[in-house]
Amino acid sequence: MTTIFSPLSLTSKSDDRIEVTITDLEQTARPDLPRPPAPQRKTALMRVENPPVHFYRYLYDLVGAPWNWISRRKLKDEELAAIINDPNVYLYVLYVDGAPGGMAEIDARKQEIHELKFFGLAPDFTGCGLGRFFLTNVLDLAWAHGPKTLRLETCTLDHPAALPLYQKFGFSVIARRTGIVEKLKRENLSEPG
């Protein structure tokens, strides 16, 4: 069975909800970024084609639970499979010393505007100098699909370095808004379904 959460609520703030500031960013041209130094650890960046739902949920929880990622948790397995197995949705996994160390999801279903839907490192690999390396490679992959614009969103629950890092990589803020997000209940992490 899959645990289902509602990501945004229009009801007022309560003990199980958090008010956040959501920042929308975009790039309108491929950035000319210097290549970061190669990591000191063994790394591999691989695309997962037609990812099994259980593997996606594992990655999503591994990377997103510390930052209260819940939007994909509310989806039933069939709904999630329809998204992640779409040929224009690209899931990349950063492996570090053979273990999953991060995930990135690029949604290229809109022809001209692609979105970096999810990007992050597993807790064991944050602060190890892998973020810039991973993001540089993911941006190269995203722009290789030929969009006119690349967008992403971040919020105040994400890692404090996320917004400044995106801006250093050439993303410009295009909008800010507030929202109410349900708190992720740690005891209710996704179960296989």
N, C-alpha and C. Protein backbone atom coordinates (compact mmCIF):
# COMPACT_ATOMS: atom_id res chain seq x y z
N MET A 1 0.85 -1.18 0.00
CA MET A 1 0.00 0.00 0.00
C MET A 1 0.89 1.24 0.00
N THR A 2 0.46 2.25 -0.71
CA THR A 2 1.21 3.49 -0.80
C THR A 2 0.57 4.53 0.12
N THR A 3 1.39 5.21 0.90
CA THR A 3 0.90 6.30 1.73
C THR A 3 0.68 7.51 0.85
N ILE A 4 -0.44 8.18 1.01
CA ILE A 4 -0.78 9.32 0.15
C ILE A 4 -0.86 10.58 1.01
N PHE A 5 -0.19 11.62 0.55
CA PHE A 5 -0.20 12.92 1.22
C PHE A 5 -0.69 13.97 0.24
N SER A 6 -1.31 15.01 0.74
CA SER A 6 -1.69 16.14 -0.10
C SER A 6 -0.61 17.20 0.03
N PRO A 7 0.03 17.63 -1.08
CA PRO A 7 1.17 18.52 -0.97
C PRO A 7 0.84 19.95 -0.58
N LEU A 8 -0.20 20.51 -1.12
CA LEU A 8 -0.53 21.89 -0.80
C LEU A 8 -1.96 21.94 -0.28
N SER A 9 -2.16 22.75 0.67
CA SER A 9 -3.48 22.87 1.26
C SER A 9 -3.91 24.33 1.24
N LEU A 10 -5.17 24.56 1.01
CA LEU A 10 -5.68 25.92 1.02
C LEU A 10 -6.22 26.30 2.39
N THR A 11 -6.18 25.37 3.32
CA THR A 11 -6.67 25.67 4.65
C THR A 11 -5.62 26.45 5.42
N SER A 12 -6.04 27.03 6.52
CA SER A 12 -5.11 27.85 7.30
C SER A 12 -4.04 27.00 7.96
N LYS A 13 -2.98 27.67 8.37
CA LYS A 13 -1.83 27.02 8.99
C LYS A 13 -2.24 26.35 10.30
N SER A 14 -1.70 25.16 10.53
CA SER A 14 -1.93 24.46 11.80
C SER A 14 -0.65 23.73 12.16
N ASP A 15 -0.72 22.93 13.22
CA ASP A 15 0.48 22.23 13.68
C ASP A 15 1.04 21.24 12.67
N ASP A 16 0.20 20.75 11.75
CA ASP A 16 0.70 19.78 10.78
C ASP A 16 0.95 20.42 9.41
N ARG A 17 1.04 21.75 9.39
CA ARG A 17 1.30 22.46 8.15
C ARG A 17 2.42 23.48 8.36
N ILE A 18 3.10 23.80 7.26
CA ILE A 18 4.22 24.74 7.31
C ILE A 18 4.00 25.78 6.22
N GLU A 19 4.17 27.04 6.57
CA GLU A 19 4.11 28.08 5.55
C GLU A 19 5.48 28.19 4.88
N VAL A 20 5.49 28.24 3.55
CA VAL A 20 6.75 28.30 2.81
C VAL A 20 6.70 29.42 1.79
N THR A 21 7.88 29.86 1.40
CA THR A 21 8.01 30.76 0.26
C THR A 21 8.55 29.92 -0.89
N ILE A 22 7.85 29.94 -2.00
CA ILE A 22 8.21 29.18 -3.18
C ILE A 22 8.81 30.16 -4.19
N THR A 23 9.97 29.82 -4.70
CA THR A 23 10.66 30.67 -5.68
C THR A 23 10.75 29.92 -7.00
N ASP A 24 10.23 30.55 -8.06
CA ASP A 24 10.32 30.00 -9.42
C ASP A 24 11.51 30.66 -10.11
N LEU A 25 12.32 29.83 -10.77
CA LEU A 25 13.52 30.31 -11.46
C LEU A 25 13.54 29.77 -12.88
N GLU A 26 14.29 30.48 -13.74
CA GLU A 26 14.44 29.97 -15.10
C GLU A 26 15.77 30.40 -15.71
N GLN A 27 16.17 29.63 -16.70
CA GLN A 27 17.27 29.97 -17.59
C GLN A 27 16.67 30.06 -18.99
N THR A 28 17.07 31.07 -19.75
CA THR A 28 16.56 31.19 -21.12
C THR A 28 17.65 30.89 -22.15
N ALA A 29 18.81 30.50 -21.67
CA ALA A 29 19.91 30.08 -22.54
C ALA A 29 20.78 29.12 -21.76
N ARG A 30 21.40 28.23 -22.48
CA ARG A 30 22.31 27.28 -21.84
C ARG A 30 23.46 28.06 -21.20
N PRO A 31 23.72 27.85 -19.91
CA PRO A 31 24.80 28.60 -19.26
C PRO A 31 26.17 28.10 -19.70
N ASP A 32 27.09 29.02 -19.75
CA ASP A 32 28.47 28.68 -20.05
C ASP A 32 29.21 28.58 -18.72
N LEU A 33 29.20 27.38 -18.17
CA LEU A 33 29.75 27.18 -16.83
C LEU A 33 31.10 26.50 -16.88
N PRO A 34 32.00 26.89 -16.00
CA PRO A 34 33.26 26.15 -15.92
C PRO A 34 32.98 24.75 -15.37
N ARG A 35 33.71 23.79 -15.84
CA ARG A 35 33.55 22.42 -15.35
C ARG A 35 34.08 22.35 -13.93
N PRO A 36 33.29 21.83 -13.02
CA PRO A 36 33.80 21.65 -11.67
C PRO A 36 34.83 20.53 -11.65
N PRO A 37 35.69 20.54 -10.67
CA PRO A 37 36.68 19.45 -10.60
C PRO A 37 35.97 18.11 -10.40
N ALA A 38 36.57 17.08 -10.93
CA ALA A 38 36.01 15.74 -10.76
C ALA A 38 36.00 15.38 -9.28
N PRO A 39 34.94 14.73 -8.83
CA PRO A 39 34.90 14.32 -7.42
C PRO A 39 36.04 13.38 -7.08
N GLN A 40 36.42 13.36 -5.83
CA GLN A 40 37.49 12.50 -5.35
C GLN A 40 37.01 11.06 -5.15
N ARG A 41 35.71 10.86 -5.29
CA ARG A 41 35.12 9.54 -5.09
C ARG A 41 34.69 8.97 -6.43
N LYS A 42 34.47 7.68 -6.48
CA LYS A 42 33.96 7.06 -7.70
C LYS A 42 32.52 7.50 -7.90
N THR A 43 32.22 8.09 -9.06
CA THR A 43 30.86 8.54 -9.34
C THR A 43 30.44 8.06 -10.72
N ALA A 44 29.14 7.90 -10.87
CA ALA A 44 28.55 7.58 -12.16
C ALA A 44 27.18 8.25 -12.20
N LEU A 45 26.84 8.82 -13.33
CA LEU A 45 25.54 9.43 -13.52
C LEU A 45 24.83 8.61 -14.58
N MET A 46 23.70 8.01 -14.20
CA MET A 46 23.00 7.12 -15.11
C MET A 46 21.53 7.50 -15.23
N ARG A 47 21.00 7.38 -16.45
CA ARG A 47 19.57 7.55 -16.65
C ARG A 47 18.88 6.24 -16.34
N VAL A 48 17.78 6.33 -15.61
CA VAL A 48 16.95 5.17 -15.33
C VAL A 48 15.79 5.20 -16.31
N GLU A 49 15.77 4.28 -17.23
CA GLU A 49 14.69 4.23 -18.22
C GLU A 49 13.57 3.35 -17.68
N ASN A 50 12.35 3.86 -17.77
CA ASN A 50 11.17 3.16 -17.25
C ASN A 50 11.40 2.70 -15.81
N PRO A 51 11.66 3.64 -14.91
CA PRO A 51 11.97 3.24 -13.53
C PRO A 51 10.79 2.55 -12.86
N PRO A 52 11.05 1.49 -12.12
CA PRO A 52 9.99 0.89 -11.32
C PRO A 52 9.53 1.89 -10.26
N VAL A 53 8.26 1.89 -9.97
CA VAL A 53 7.70 2.83 -9.00
C VAL A 53 8.39 2.69 -7.64
N HIS A 54 8.64 1.46 -7.21
CA HIS A 54 9.27 1.26 -5.89
C HIS A 54 10.66 1.90 -5.84
N PHE A 55 11.41 1.84 -6.94
CA PHE A 55 12.75 2.43 -6.97
C PHE A 55 12.64 3.96 -6.94
N TYR A 56 11.71 4.51 -7.71
CA TYR A 56 11.50 5.96 -7.70
C TYR A 56 11.12 6.42 -6.29
N ARG A 57 10.20 5.72 -5.67
CA ARG A 57 9.79 6.11 -4.31
C ARG A 57 10.96 6.04 -3.33
N TYR A 58 11.79 5.03 -3.50
CA TYR A 58 12.98 4.91 -2.65
C TYR A 58 13.87 6.15 -2.82
N LEU A 59 14.18 6.50 -4.07
CA LEU A 59 15.03 7.68 -4.32
C LEU A 59 14.38 8.95 -3.80
N TYR A 60 13.10 9.11 -4.07
CA TYR A 60 12.37 10.31 -3.66
C TYR A 60 12.40 10.46 -2.14
N ASP A 61 12.21 9.36 -1.42
CA ASP A 61 12.27 9.41 0.04
C ASP A 61 13.69 9.64 0.53
N LEU A 62 14.65 8.95 -0.09
CA LEU A 62 16.05 9.08 0.31
C LEU A 62 16.53 10.52 0.20
N VAL A 63 16.25 11.14 -0.94
CA VAL A 63 16.73 12.50 -1.20
C VAL A 63 15.80 13.55 -0.60
N GLY A 64 14.50 13.33 -0.70
CA GLY A 64 13.54 14.37 -0.35
C GLY A 64 13.02 14.42 1.06
N ALA A 65 13.05 13.31 1.78
CA ALA A 65 12.47 13.31 3.14
C ALA A 65 13.06 14.39 4.05
N PRO A 66 14.39 14.61 4.03
CA PRO A 66 14.92 15.66 4.91
C PRO A 66 14.40 17.07 4.57
N TRP A 67 13.88 17.25 3.35
CA TRP A 67 13.44 18.57 2.90
C TRP A 67 11.93 18.64 2.74
N ASN A 68 11.24 17.63 3.27
CA ASN A 68 9.78 17.60 3.28
C ASN A 68 9.17 17.51 1.88
N TRP A 69 9.83 16.80 0.97
CA TRP A 69 9.24 16.59 -0.35
C TRP A 69 8.03 15.69 -0.20
N ILE A 70 6.89 16.17 -0.63
CA ILE A 70 5.68 15.36 -0.49
C ILE A 70 4.81 15.31 -1.74
N SER A 71 5.08 16.16 -2.74
CA SER A 71 4.16 16.23 -3.87
C SER A 71 3.97 14.90 -4.58
N ARG A 72 5.02 14.12 -4.76
CA ARG A 72 4.88 12.84 -5.46
C ARG A 72 4.36 11.74 -4.53
N ARG A 73 4.43 11.98 -3.23
CA ARG A 73 3.96 10.97 -2.28
C ARG A 73 2.45 10.83 -2.31
N LYS A 74 1.76 11.87 -2.76
CA LYS A 74 0.30 11.82 -2.78
C LYS A 74 -0.24 11.00 -3.94
N LEU A 75 0.61 10.71 -4.91
CA LEU A 75 0.18 10.01 -6.12
C LEU A 75 0.06 8.51 -5.89
N LYS A 76 -0.96 7.92 -6.47
CA LYS A 76 -1.09 6.47 -6.48
C LYS A 76 -0.03 5.93 -7.43
N ASP A 77 0.30 4.66 -7.27
CA ASP A 77 1.34 4.05 -8.07
C ASP A 77 1.09 4.22 -9.57
N GLU A 78 -0.15 4.05 -10.00
CA GLU A 78 -0.47 4.16 -11.43
C GLU A 78 -0.25 5.59 -11.93
N GLU A 79 -0.62 6.57 -11.13
CA GLU A 79 -0.42 7.98 -11.51
C GLU A 79 1.07 8.31 -11.60
N LEU A 80 1.82 7.84 -10.62
CA LEU A 80 3.26 8.09 -10.61
C LEU A 80 3.93 7.39 -11.78
N ALA A 81 3.56 6.16 -12.05
CA ALA A 81 4.15 5.41 -13.16
C ALA A 81 3.90 6.12 -14.49
N ALA A 82 2.71 6.70 -14.66
CA ALA A 82 2.40 7.40 -15.90
C ALA A 82 3.33 8.59 -16.12
N ILE A 83 3.72 9.24 -15.05
CA ILE A 83 4.64 10.39 -15.16
C ILE A 83 6.06 9.92 -15.41
N ILE A 84 6.57 9.09 -14.53
CA ILE A 84 7.99 8.75 -14.58
C ILE A 84 8.36 7.83 -15.75
N ASN A 85 7.37 7.16 -16.33
CA ASN A 85 7.65 6.30 -17.49
C ASN A 85 7.30 6.97 -18.80
N ASP A 86 6.93 8.24 -18.75
CA ASP A 86 6.71 9.00 -19.98
C ASP A 86 8.06 9.14 -20.69
N PRO A 87 8.11 8.94 -22.01
CA PRO A 87 9.42 9.03 -22.69
C PRO A 87 10.05 10.41 -22.64
N ASN A 88 9.30 11.44 -22.25
CA ASN A 88 9.85 12.79 -22.16
C ASN A 88 10.12 13.23 -20.72
N VAL A 89 10.14 12.27 -19.82
CA VAL A 89 10.53 12.52 -18.43
C VAL A 89 11.80 11.70 -18.20
N TYR A 90 12.84 12.38 -17.73
CA TYR A 90 14.16 11.77 -17.60
C TYR A 90 14.56 11.73 -16.13
N LEU A 91 14.80 10.54 -15.63
CA LEU A 91 15.26 10.36 -14.26
C LEU A 91 16.73 9.98 -14.30
N TYR A 92 17.56 10.75 -13.60
CA TYR A 92 18.98 10.48 -13.52
C TYR A 92 19.35 10.21 -12.07
N VAL A 93 20.21 9.23 -11.88
CA VAL A 93 20.68 8.89 -10.54
C VAL A 93 22.19 9.08 -10.50
N LEU A 94 22.65 9.80 -9.50
CA LEU A 94 24.07 9.93 -9.24
C LEU A 94 24.46 8.82 -8.28
N TYR A 95 25.36 7.97 -8.72
CA TYR A 95 25.88 6.91 -7.86
C TYR A 95 27.24 7.35 -7.33
N VAL A 96 27.44 7.14 -6.04
CA VAL A 96 28.69 7.49 -5.38
C VAL A 96 29.23 6.23 -4.71
N ASP A 97 30.40 5.80 -5.15
CA ASP A 97 30.99 4.56 -4.64
C ASP A 97 30.01 3.39 -4.75
N GLY A 98 29.19 3.41 -5.79
CA GLY A 98 28.25 2.32 -6.07
C GLY A 98 26.88 2.48 -5.46
N ALA A 99 26.68 3.44 -4.56
CA ALA A 99 25.39 3.63 -3.89
C ALA A 99 24.67 4.83 -4.48
N PRO A 100 23.32 4.79 -4.51
CA PRO A 100 22.58 5.97 -4.97
C PRO A 100 22.90 7.17 -4.07
N GLY A 101 23.39 8.25 -4.70
CA GLY A 101 23.78 9.42 -3.93
C GLY A 101 22.98 10.66 -4.25
N GLY A 102 22.15 10.60 -5.29
CA GLY A 102 21.33 11.76 -5.65
C GLY A 102 20.41 11.43 -6.80
N MET A 103 19.44 12.29 -7.00
CA MET A 103 18.50 12.12 -8.10
C MET A 103 18.20 13.45 -8.75
N ALA A 104 17.89 13.38 -10.03
CA ALA A 104 17.44 14.56 -10.77
C ALA A 104 16.37 14.09 -11.75
N GLU A 105 15.31 14.86 -11.85
CA GLU A 105 14.23 14.54 -12.77
C GLU A 105 13.99 15.74 -13.68
N ILE A 106 14.08 15.50 -14.98
CA ILE A 106 13.83 16.54 -15.98
C ILE A 106 12.53 16.21 -16.69
N ASP A 107 11.60 17.15 -16.66
CA ASP A 107 10.32 16.99 -17.34
C ASP A 107 10.37 17.77 -18.64
N ALA A 108 10.44 17.05 -19.76
CA ALA A 108 10.52 17.67 -21.08
C ALA A 108 9.23 17.46 -21.88
N ARG A 109 8.11 17.29 -21.17
CA ARG A 109 6.85 17.04 -21.88
C ARG A 109 6.33 18.26 -22.61
N LYS A 110 6.66 19.46 -22.13
CA LYS A 110 6.32 20.68 -22.87
C LYS A 110 7.48 20.96 -23.81
N GLN A 111 7.19 21.14 -25.07
CA GLN A 111 8.25 21.20 -26.08
C GLN A 111 9.27 22.31 -25.83
N GLU A 112 8.83 23.51 -25.48
CA GLU A 112 9.76 24.64 -25.38
C GLU A 112 10.23 24.94 -23.97
N ILE A 113 9.45 24.54 -22.97
CA ILE A 113 9.80 24.82 -21.58
C ILE A 113 9.97 23.49 -20.84
N HIS A 114 11.20 23.20 -20.46
CA HIS A 114 11.47 21.99 -19.69
C HIS A 114 11.66 22.39 -18.23
N GLU A 115 11.40 21.43 -17.34
CA GLU A 115 11.51 21.71 -15.91
C GLU A 115 12.45 20.72 -15.23
N LEU A 116 13.28 21.25 -14.38
CA LEU A 116 14.05 20.41 -13.47
C LEU A 116 13.13 20.24 -12.26
N LYS A 117 12.39 19.13 -12.27
CA LYS A 117 11.34 18.93 -11.26
C LYS A 117 11.92 18.62 -9.88
N PHE A 118 12.92 17.75 -9.85
CA PHE A 118 13.53 17.37 -8.58
C PHE A 118 15.02 17.26 -8.78
N PHE A 119 15.75 17.73 -7.78
CA PHE A 119 17.20 17.65 -7.81
C PHE A 119 17.68 17.64 -6.37
N GLY A 120 18.54 16.70 -6.05
CA GLY A 120 19.09 16.70 -4.70
C GLY A 120 20.01 15.53 -4.46
N LEU A 121 20.71 15.63 -3.36
CA LEU A 121 21.64 14.60 -2.92
C LEU A 121 21.08 13.88 -1.69
N ALA A 122 21.45 12.63 -1.54
CA ALA A 122 21.11 11.89 -0.33
C ALA A 122 21.85 12.52 0.85
N PRO A 123 21.29 12.45 2.05
CA PRO A 123 21.92 13.09 3.20
C PRO A 123 23.38 12.71 3.42
N ASP A 124 23.74 11.46 3.16
CA ASP A 124 25.12 11.02 3.36
C ASP A 124 26.10 11.71 2.42
N PHE A 125 25.59 12.35 1.36
CA PHE A 125 26.48 12.92 0.35
C PHE A 125 26.38 14.44 0.24
N THR A 126 25.60 15.07 1.10
CA THR A 126 25.58 16.54 1.09
C THR A 126 26.83 17.04 1.81
N GLY A 127 27.33 18.17 1.34
CA GLY A 127 28.52 18.74 1.96
C GLY A 127 29.81 18.06 1.55
N CYS A 128 29.77 17.22 0.52
CA CYS A 128 30.97 16.49 0.07
C CYS A 128 31.52 17.06 -1.24
N GLY A 129 31.00 18.19 -1.68
CA GLY A 129 31.46 18.78 -2.93
C GLY A 129 30.88 18.15 -4.18
N LEU A 130 29.79 17.39 -4.03
CA LEU A 130 29.19 16.72 -5.18
C LEU A 130 28.09 17.54 -5.85
N GLY A 131 27.51 18.50 -5.14
CA GLY A 131 26.37 19.26 -5.65
C GLY A 131 26.66 19.99 -6.95
N ARG A 132 27.76 20.72 -6.99
CA ARG A 132 28.12 21.47 -8.21
C ARG A 132 28.41 20.54 -9.38
N PHE A 133 29.12 19.46 -9.11
CA PHE A 133 29.42 18.47 -10.13
C PHE A 133 28.12 17.88 -10.70
N PHE A 134 27.23 17.46 -9.83
CA PHE A 134 25.96 16.86 -10.23
C PHE A 134 25.11 17.86 -11.00
N LEU A 135 24.95 19.07 -10.47
CA LEU A 135 24.11 20.06 -11.13
C LEU A 135 24.65 20.46 -12.51
N THR A 136 25.95 20.63 -12.63
CA THR A 136 26.55 20.97 -13.93
C THR A 136 26.19 19.91 -14.97
N ASN A 137 26.32 18.64 -14.59
CA ASN A 137 26.01 17.56 -15.52
C ASN A 137 24.52 17.47 -15.83
N VAL A 138 23.68 17.67 -14.85
CA VAL A 138 22.23 17.62 -15.06
C VAL A 138 21.79 18.76 -15.98
N LEU A 139 22.35 19.95 -15.80
CA LEU A 139 22.00 21.07 -16.68
C LEU A 139 22.43 20.79 -18.12
N ASP A 140 23.59 20.20 -18.30
CA ASP A 140 24.02 19.80 -19.65
C ASP A 140 23.02 18.84 -20.27
N LEU A 141 22.58 17.87 -19.49
CA LEU A 141 21.61 16.89 -19.99
C LEU A 141 20.27 17.56 -20.32
N ALA A 142 19.83 18.48 -19.46
CA ALA A 142 18.55 19.16 -19.69
C ALA A 142 18.59 20.00 -20.97
N TRP A 143 19.67 20.75 -21.16
CA TRP A 143 19.77 21.60 -22.34
C TRP A 143 20.00 20.79 -23.62
N ALA A 144 20.50 19.59 -23.50
CA ALA A 144 20.72 18.73 -24.68
C ALA A 144 19.41 18.36 -25.36
N HIS A 145 18.30 18.49 -24.65
CA HIS A 145 16.99 18.17 -25.24
C HIS A 145 16.41 19.32 -26.05
N GLY A 146 17.09 20.46 -26.07
CA GLY A 146 16.71 21.57 -26.92
C GLY A 146 15.57 22.47 -26.48
N PRO A 147 15.38 22.69 -25.18
CA PRO A 147 14.32 23.62 -24.78
C PRO A 147 14.72 25.07 -25.07
N LYS A 148 13.73 25.95 -25.07
CA LYS A 148 14.03 27.39 -25.15
C LYS A 148 14.21 27.96 -23.74
N THR A 149 13.59 27.29 -22.76
CA THR A 149 13.64 27.73 -21.38
C THR A 149 13.75 26.51 -20.48
N LEU A 150 14.53 26.64 -19.42
CA LEU A 150 14.61 25.61 -18.39
C LEU A 150 14.18 26.24 -17.08
N ARG A 151 13.21 25.62 -16.42
CA ARG A 151 12.66 26.17 -15.17
C ARG A 151 12.83 25.20 -14.02
N LEU A 152 12.78 25.75 -12.83
CA LEU A 152 12.74 24.95 -11.61
C LEU A 152 12.10 25.78 -10.52
N GLU A 153 11.71 25.10 -9.45
CA GLU A 153 11.21 25.81 -8.28
C GLU A 153 11.89 25.26 -7.05
N THR A 154 12.08 26.14 -6.09
CA THR A 154 12.63 25.75 -4.81
C THR A 154 11.80 26.45 -3.74
N CYS A 155 11.92 26.00 -2.52
CA CYS A 155 11.17 26.66 -1.45
C CYS A 155 12.03 26.74 -0.21
N THR A 156 11.52 27.42 0.78
CA THR A 156 12.27 27.66 2.00
C THR A 156 12.49 26.40 2.83
N LEU A 157 11.90 25.27 2.45
CA LEU A 157 12.17 24.01 3.14
C LEU A 157 13.36 23.28 2.53
N ASP A 158 13.77 23.67 1.32
CA ASP A 158 14.91 23.03 0.67
C ASP A 158 16.21 23.43 1.37
N HIS A 159 17.28 22.77 1.01
CA HIS A 159 18.60 23.07 1.59
C HIS A 159 18.87 24.57 1.46
N PRO A 160 19.38 25.21 2.49
CA PRO A 160 19.62 26.66 2.43
C PRO A 160 20.56 27.08 1.29
N ALA A 161 21.40 26.18 0.82
CA ALA A 161 22.31 26.53 -0.28
C ALA A 161 21.66 26.38 -1.65
N ALA A 162 20.45 25.82 -1.73
CA ALA A 162 19.82 25.54 -3.03
C ALA A 162 19.60 26.80 -3.86
N LEU A 163 18.89 27.77 -3.33
CA LEU A 163 18.59 28.98 -4.09
C LEU A 163 19.85 29.72 -4.53
N PRO A 164 20.81 29.99 -3.63
CA PRO A 164 22.04 30.65 -4.09
C PRO A 164 22.79 29.84 -5.15
N LEU A 165 22.79 28.52 -5.02
CA LEU A 165 23.48 27.68 -6.00
C LEU A 165 22.82 27.81 -7.37
N TYR A 166 21.50 27.75 -7.41
CA TYR A 166 20.79 27.88 -8.69
C TYR A 166 21.08 29.24 -9.33
N GLN A 167 21.12 30.28 -8.52
CA GLN A 167 21.41 31.61 -9.06
C GLN A 167 22.86 31.69 -9.57
N LYS A 168 23.80 31.07 -8.87
CA LYS A 168 25.19 31.04 -9.36
C LYS A 168 25.29 30.29 -10.68
N PHE A 169 24.39 29.37 -10.92
CA PHE A 169 24.39 28.59 -12.15
C PHE A 169 23.56 29.26 -13.25
N GLY A 170 23.18 30.52 -13.05
CA GLY A 170 22.54 31.28 -14.12
C GLY A 170 21.02 31.30 -14.12
N PHE A 171 20.38 30.77 -13.10
CA PHE A 171 18.93 30.86 -13.02
C PHE A 171 18.53 32.22 -12.47
N SER A 172 17.47 32.79 -13.04
CA SER A 172 16.93 34.07 -12.58
C SER A 172 15.58 33.83 -11.92
N VAL A 173 15.32 34.57 -10.86
CA VAL A 173 14.03 34.48 -10.18
C VAL A 173 12.98 35.12 -11.07
N ILE A 174 11.88 34.39 -11.32
CA ILE A 174 10.79 34.94 -12.12
C ILE A 174 9.51 35.15 -11.31
N ALA A 175 9.41 34.50 -10.14
CA ALA A 175 8.22 34.68 -9.30
C ALA A 175 8.50 34.15 -7.90
N ARG A 176 7.78 34.72 -6.96
CA ARG A 176 7.78 34.22 -5.57
C ARG A 176 6.34 34.21 -5.10
N ARG A 177 6.03 33.20 -4.32
CA ARG A 177 4.68 33.10 -3.75
C ARG A 177 4.77 32.34 -2.44
N THR A 178 3.74 32.44 -1.64
CA THR A 178 3.70 31.68 -0.40
C THR A 178 2.70 30.54 -0.55
N GLY A 179 2.91 29.52 0.22
CA GLY A 179 2.01 28.37 0.22
C GLY A 179 2.05 27.70 1.57
N ILE A 180 1.13 26.79 1.75
CA ILE A 180 1.06 26.00 2.97
C ILE A 180 1.29 24.55 2.56
N VAL A 181 2.26 23.91 3.21
CA VAL A 181 2.62 22.54 2.89
C VAL A 181 2.40 21.67 4.12
N GLU A 182 1.87 20.49 3.90
CA GLU A 182 1.71 19.56 5.02
C GLU A 182 3.08 19.05 5.44
N LYS A 183 3.25 18.90 6.74
CA LYS A 183 4.50 18.34 7.26
C LYS A 183 4.55 16.85 6.93
N LEU A 184 5.69 16.41 6.52
CA LEU A 184 5.92 15.00 6.26
C LEU A 184 6.00 14.28 7.60
N LYS A 185 5.17 13.29 7.76
CA LYS A 185 5.20 12.50 8.99
C LYS A 185 6.21 11.39 8.80
N ARG A 186 7.28 11.41 9.53
CA ARG A 186 8.38 10.46 9.36
C ARG A 186 7.92 9.01 9.51
N GLU A 187 6.94 8.77 10.36
CA GLU A 187 6.49 7.40 10.55
C GLU A 187 5.64 6.90 9.38
N ASN A 188 5.26 7.81 8.47
CA ASN A 188 4.40 7.44 7.34
C ASN A 188 5.14 7.47 6.02
N LEU A 189 6.41 7.13 6.00
CA LEU A 189 7.13 7.08 4.75
C LEU A 189 6.49 6.04 3.85
N SER A 190 6.64 6.23 2.55
CA SER A 190 5.98 5.37 1.57
C SER A 190 6.26 3.90 1.84
N GLU A 191 5.21 3.14 1.72
CA GLU A 191 5.32 1.69 1.79
C GLU A 191 5.23 1.15 0.38
N PRO A 192 5.82 0.01 0.11
CA PRO A 192 5.70 -0.56 -1.23
C PRO A 192 4.25 -0.70 -1.62
N GLY A 193 3.95 -0.44 -2.87
CA GLY A 193 2.56 -0.52 -3.26
C GLY A 193 2.42 -0.94 -4.62
